[in-house]
Protein backbone atom coordinates (compact mmCIF):
# COMPACT_ATOMS: atom_id res chain seq x y z
CA UNK A 1 78.15 161.63 141.77
CA UNK A 2 79.43 159.10 139.80
CA UNK A 3 82.51 157.01 139.93
CA UNK A 4 84.29 158.66 136.70
CA UNK A 5 83.50 161.90 138.11
CA UNK A 6 84.68 160.87 141.23
CA UNK A 7 88.38 159.99 139.89
CA UNK A 8 89.70 158.62 136.37
CA UNK A 9 91.27 155.44 136.63
CA UNK A 10 94.86 155.57 135.68
CA UNK A 11 96.75 153.25 133.73
CA UNK A 12 93.27 151.00 134.56
CA UNK A 13 94.00 148.25 131.43
CA UNK A 14 97.73 148.06 132.37
CA UNK A 15 96.23 147.18 135.92
CA UNK A 16 94.09 144.42 134.87
CA UNK A 17 96.93 142.93 132.76
CA UNK A 18 99.35 143.25 135.75
CA UNK A 19 96.81 141.31 138.14
CA UNK A 20 96.46 138.15 135.64
CA UNK A 21 93.04 137.49 137.10
CA UNK A 22 91.38 134.02 137.75
CA UNK A 23 86.99 134.18 137.40
CA UNK A 24 87.41 132.57 140.73
CA UNK A 25 89.94 134.29 142.61
CA UNK A 26 90.23 137.16 145.61
CA UNK A 27 91.39 140.50 144.98
CA UNK A 28 91.93 143.44 146.82
CA UNK A 29 91.62 147.32 145.75
CA UNK A 30 93.54 149.00 148.87
CA UNK A 31 92.62 152.54 147.38
CA UNK A 32 89.15 152.15 146.04
CA UNK A 33 88.34 156.25 145.51
CA UNK A 34 85.69 156.32 142.48
CA UNK A 35 85.49 152.64 142.05
CA UNK A 36 87.47 152.97 138.62
CA UNK A 37 89.96 149.98 139.00
CA UNK A 38 87.19 148.00 141.14
CA UNK A 39 84.75 147.91 138.82
CA UNK A 40 87.21 146.80 135.93
CA UNK A 41 88.13 143.76 138.26
CA UNK A 42 84.76 142.84 138.94
CA UNK A 43 83.80 142.33 135.25
CA UNK A 44 87.19 140.06 134.98
CA UNK A 45 85.16 138.01 137.53
CA UNK A 46 83.09 135.27 137.55
CA UNK A 47 80.42 134.61 140.19
CA UNK A 48 82.87 132.66 142.55
CA UNK A 49 85.48 135.40 142.46
CA UNK A 50 85.69 138.13 145.25
CA UNK A 51 86.86 141.57 145.45
CA UNK A 52 87.52 143.73 148.54
CA UNK A 53 88.10 147.05 148.52
CA UNK A 54 89.72 149.61 150.91
CA UNK A 55 89.23 153.48 151.78
CA UNK A 56 89.57 155.79 154.07
CA UNK A 57 87.77 158.27 152.97
CA UNK A 58 83.69 158.85 153.64
CA UNK A 59 83.60 160.37 150.08
CA UNK A 60 84.38 157.66 148.67
CA UNK A 61 81.85 155.10 150.16
CA UNK A 62 78.81 156.15 148.45
CA UNK A 63 80.83 154.66 145.22
CA UNK A 64 80.50 151.45 146.45
CA UNK A 65 78.73 149.16 143.92
CA UNK A 66 75.87 146.42 144.92
CA UNK A 67 77.10 143.48 143.97
CA UNK A 68 77.58 140.18 146.39
CA UNK A 69 81.08 139.75 145.20
CA UNK A 70 81.99 143.02 146.86
CA UNK A 71 83.12 143.99 150.01
CA UNK A 72 84.17 147.80 150.79
CA UNK A 73 86.49 148.17 154.32
CA UNK A 74 85.90 151.57 155.50
CA UNK A 75 89.47 151.64 157.14
CA UNK A 76 93.20 152.74 156.17
CA UNK A 77 94.70 149.69 154.10
CA UNK A 78 97.77 150.01 157.01
CA UNK A 79 95.12 147.53 158.44
CA UNK A 80 95.30 145.04 155.68
CA UNK A 81 95.85 141.47 156.98
CA UNK A 82 93.68 141.89 160.36
CA UNK A 83 90.71 142.86 157.81
CA UNK A 84 91.69 140.43 155.46
CA UNK A 85 91.85 137.58 158.35
CA UNK A 86 88.79 138.52 159.37
CA UNK A 87 86.64 138.05 156.63
CA UNK A 88 88.40 134.86 156.18
CA UNK A 89 90.08 136.32 152.50
CA UNK A 90 93.39 134.71 152.89
CA UNK A 91 95.22 134.20 150.96
CA UNK A 92 94.40 136.79 148.01
CA UNK A 93 95.35 136.11 144.67
CA UNK A 94 96.70 139.73 143.77
CA UNK A 95 96.56 143.39 145.15
CA UNK A 96 96.27 146.91 143.58
CA UNK A 97 97.11 150.23 144.79
CA UNK A 98 96.86 153.64 143.07
CA UNK A 99 98.32 155.90 145.37
CA UNK A 100 98.21 159.39 146.16
CA UNK A 101 95.14 161.78 145.84
CA UNK A 102 92.24 161.61 144.25
CA UNK A 103 90.53 164.03 141.31
CA UNK A 104 87.81 164.25 143.44
CA UNK A 105 90.06 165.10 146.65
CA UNK A 106 91.60 167.86 144.93
CA UNK A 107 88.72 168.86 143.41
CA UNK A 108 86.99 169.75 146.57
CA UNK A 109 88.35 173.19 147.88
CA UNK A 110 87.07 171.94 151.35
CA UNK A 111 89.24 169.54 151.53
CA UNK A 112 92.61 171.67 152.13
CA UNK A 113 94.02 169.72 149.35
CA UNK A 114 94.37 171.80 146.24
CA UNK A 115 96.25 175.09 146.03
CA UNK A 116 93.62 176.21 143.24
CA UNK A 117 90.66 177.06 145.92
CA UNK A 118 90.74 178.83 149.48
CA UNK A 119 89.34 176.30 152.08
CA UNK A 120 90.08 175.15 155.26
CA UNK A 121 93.84 173.78 155.84
CA UNK A 122 92.44 170.02 156.34
CA UNK A 123 94.22 167.87 154.03
CA UNK A 124 93.03 164.56 156.29
CA UNK A 125 92.00 161.55 153.99
CA UNK A 126 90.13 160.03 157.15
CA UNK A 127 88.06 162.96 158.21
CA UNK A 128 87.43 161.03 161.40
CA UNK A 129 91.47 161.25 162.33
CA UNK A 130 91.71 164.55 164.86
CA UNK A 131 95.48 165.91 163.03
CA UNK A 132 94.70 168.39 160.56
CA UNK A 133 96.85 170.48 158.17
CA UNK A 134 96.02 173.92 160.44
CA UNK A 135 96.87 171.88 163.67
CA UNK A 136 100.82 170.72 162.04
CA UNK A 137 101.54 174.04 160.79
CA UNK A 138 100.71 176.25 163.84
CA UNK A 139 101.97 173.85 166.24
CA UNK A 140 105.29 172.42 165.00
CA UNK A 141 108.40 173.95 165.27
CA UNK A 142 110.65 175.54 162.65
CA UNK A 143 112.94 172.66 162.66
CA UNK A 144 110.48 169.70 162.26
CA UNK A 145 108.23 171.99 159.46
CA UNK A 146 112.04 172.09 157.93
CA UNK A 147 112.24 168.51 158.15
CA UNK A 148 108.73 167.40 156.65
CA UNK A 149 109.28 170.13 153.79
CA UNK A 150 112.94 168.56 153.05
CA UNK A 151 111.70 164.95 153.08
CA UNK A 152 108.25 164.75 151.85
CA UNK A 153 107.97 167.28 149.78
CA UNK A 154 111.75 167.99 148.74
CA UNK A 155 111.34 171.74 148.98
CA UNK A 156 114.62 173.48 147.88
CA UNK A 157 115.21 176.16 150.86
CA UNK A 158 112.84 173.94 153.02
CA UNK A 159 114.52 175.88 156.37
CA UNK A 160 113.53 179.47 154.62
CA UNK A 161 109.77 177.80 154.47
CA UNK A 162 109.71 176.37 157.62
CA UNK A 163 110.92 180.29 159.29
CA UNK A 164 108.39 182.14 156.83
CA UNK A 165 105.41 179.53 158.29
CA UNK A 166 106.72 179.85 161.90
CA UNK A 167 106.70 184.18 161.51
CA UNK A 168 103.50 184.02 159.83
CA UNK A 169 101.56 182.22 162.33
CA UNK A 170 103.07 184.78 165.49
CA UNK A 171 100.77 187.13 163.76
CA UNK A 172 98.36 184.96 163.12
CA UNK A 173 96.90 181.80 162.87
CA UNK A 174 97.02 179.63 159.44
CA UNK A 175 93.90 178.15 159.22
CA UNK A 176 93.53 178.33 155.48
CA UNK A 177 94.85 176.89 152.17
CA UNK A 178 95.35 180.72 151.24
CA UNK A 179 96.45 182.26 154.15
CA UNK A 180 99.36 179.38 154.16
CA UNK A 181 99.79 180.21 150.45
CA UNK A 182 100.60 184.21 152.14
CA UNK A 183 102.25 182.82 154.56
CA UNK A 184 105.12 181.24 152.35
CA UNK A 185 104.79 183.87 149.67
CA UNK A 186 108.44 186.19 150.61
CA UNK A 187 110.04 182.41 149.83
CA UNK A 188 108.67 181.25 146.31
CA UNK A 189 110.50 181.82 143.34
CA UNK A 190 108.56 183.71 140.82
CA UNK A 191 109.61 181.01 138.03
CA UNK A 192 107.87 178.30 139.21
CA UNK A 193 104.81 179.68 142.12
CA UNK A 194 102.50 176.59 141.75
CA UNK A 195 104.88 174.03 141.72
CA UNK A 196 106.47 175.45 144.91
CA UNK A 197 103.23 175.96 146.64
CA UNK A 198 102.54 171.82 145.67
CA UNK A 199 105.53 170.65 147.06
CA UNK A 200 105.01 172.39 150.25
CA UNK A 201 100.99 170.94 150.34
CA UNK A 202 102.16 167.34 149.07
CA UNK A 203 104.84 167.52 152.40
CA UNK A 204 101.94 168.76 154.24
CA UNK A 205 99.36 166.39 153.55
CA UNK A 206 102.05 163.47 153.48
CA UNK A 207 102.48 164.14 157.03
CA UNK A 208 99.04 164.97 157.88
CA UNK A 209 98.24 161.19 156.87
CA UNK A 210 101.18 159.28 157.80
CA UNK A 211 100.81 158.33 153.73
CA UNK A 212 104.53 156.57 153.70
CA UNK A 213 104.25 154.79 156.93
CA UNK A 214 101.02 153.37 155.78
CA UNK A 215 102.69 152.60 152.23
CA UNK A 216 105.54 150.66 154.29
CA UNK A 217 102.67 148.89 156.18
CA UNK A 218 100.98 147.69 153.11
CA UNK A 219 103.84 146.56 151.33
CA UNK A 220 105.19 144.59 154.39
CA UNK A 221 101.47 142.84 154.57
CA UNK A 222 101.59 142.34 151.14
CA UNK A 223 104.19 139.26 151.45
CA UNK A 224 101.80 137.77 154.08
CA UNK A 225 98.64 138.29 152.32
CA UNK A 226 99.19 137.22 148.96
CA UNK A 227 99.67 133.80 147.77
CA UNK A 228 102.45 131.69 145.94
CA UNK A 229 102.13 133.06 142.10
CA UNK A 230 99.85 136.10 143.25
CA UNK A 231 100.22 139.44 141.96
CA UNK A 232 101.04 143.47 143.66
CA UNK A 233 100.21 146.22 141.20
CA UNK A 234 101.24 149.49 142.25
CA UNK A 235 100.64 152.82 140.84
CA UNK A 236 103.09 155.33 142.56
CA UNK A 237 102.96 159.74 141.68
CA UNK A 238 105.87 160.79 143.04
CA UNK A 239 109.57 159.66 143.59
CA UNK A 240 109.32 158.87 147.56
CA UNK A 241 106.50 156.40 146.89
CA UNK A 242 108.35 154.61 143.98
CA UNK A 243 111.63 154.74 145.71
CA UNK A 244 109.83 152.48 148.08
CA UNK A 245 107.64 150.15 145.82
CA UNK A 246 110.58 149.54 143.57
CA UNK A 247 113.16 148.87 146.85
CA UNK A 248 110.22 146.43 147.98
CA UNK A 249 109.95 144.40 145.00
CA UNK A 250 113.27 144.58 143.70
CA UNK A 251 114.64 143.41 147.57
CA UNK A 252 112.18 142.59 149.62
CA UNK A 253 113.72 146.31 151.72
CA UNK A 254 113.13 149.56 151.58
CA UNK A 255 116.64 150.68 151.40
CA UNK A 256 117.16 149.02 148.32
CA UNK A 257 119.73 146.35 150.21
CA UNK A 258 119.55 142.75 148.71
CA UNK A 259 119.86 139.97 151.33
CA UNK A 260 121.10 136.68 150.05
CA UNK A 261 121.38 132.96 151.95
CA UNK A 262 124.43 130.86 152.08
CA UNK A 263 123.59 129.79 148.19
CA UNK A 264 123.43 133.26 146.76
CA UNK A 265 120.07 133.16 146.41
CA UNK A 266 118.16 136.51 146.50
CA UNK A 267 115.82 136.83 150.03
CA UNK A 268 112.67 138.32 148.52
CA UNK A 269 109.16 137.96 148.66
CA UNK A 270 108.50 138.99 144.89
CA UNK A 271 109.65 139.28 141.33
CA UNK A 272 109.67 142.06 139.66
CA UNK A 273 107.83 141.99 136.09
CA UNK A 274 109.29 144.20 133.93
CA UNK A 275 109.66 148.12 134.06
CA UNK A 276 107.75 150.74 135.58
CA UNK A 277 104.59 151.33 132.98
CA UNK A 278 104.47 155.11 132.43
CA UNK A 279 100.79 156.14 131.08
CA UNK A 280 100.73 157.33 127.44
CA UNK A 281 100.47 160.47 125.79
CA UNK A 282 97.04 159.85 124.82
CA UNK A 283 96.03 159.17 128.46
CA UNK A 284 97.95 162.45 129.52
CA UNK A 285 96.10 164.56 127.24
CA UNK A 286 92.94 162.82 128.46
CA UNK A 287 94.05 162.89 132.54
CA UNK A 288 96.68 165.38 132.89
CA UNK A 289 97.05 163.96 136.32
CA UNK A 290 98.31 160.78 135.06
CA UNK A 291 101.31 162.55 134.12
CA UNK A 292 103.76 161.61 137.24
CA UNK A 293 102.25 157.91 137.20
CA UNK A 294 104.28 154.87 137.67
CA UNK A 295 103.11 151.40 137.39
CA UNK A 296 105.26 148.27 138.82
CA UNK A 297 104.20 145.03 139.00
CA UNK A 298 105.49 142.42 140.99
CA UNK A 299 104.76 138.37 141.42
CA UNK A 300 104.59 136.49 144.66
CA UNK A 301 107.79 134.32 144.49
């Protein structure tokens, strides 16, 4: 499997421009996936440059290039600082994060991410982790399920959906994606069935992988590992991610509340570089999954 088959890198050129690559710099791609963004970075680096990539999904590891300038860390990026310190790679000159789920993960029915295929209700990005979506769906109480659906999926009628899941599992354990779709069928609106199901699946996936917790940890650590003048480049795919990234870049706080010193200067580790960048119509036509992508760039103050 080639990297392009695995995942078509979104906003690749804009990411490379945003990183302001130096040939001898040290860069980090915390979401390696199919390696598309990493390949583009390596093409710009000189013989003394270094690229360190992270990915917790074993399916991605086979895409690692054989390049002496490249190291793949088989771990969640929430442990960024520890790994970079171990690799003696601090400070770095730029960090790229392409959040969310890869095309490969969506297209593999046995991963449980997609509403298009019937398969095990898994949803783990790191299959070494213990908790699957099936365990969450079959063990969490109605109140906790409703909170996850509302908070992470922005699901209308989250309480009704949670109640439907609890009712269905009382008759039979929900073990597959199709069984989950059938469980929520009584409360699925007919006008946008697929959109509604996608919101439910997104909520469960975020909960299983603690995606927002990992993102917050990454953003906090970015201020520790990126050197002065270095770049933070982040692509997000839904409002929950984008809000965290935007607030962090603008205010240095996830709630968006700016803090200032006694002289009125903003106390934030990064300076945003322009507004969010969206994919072009041409890129969306080539790669429909890029539609919701938003790229934000900031420079270490």
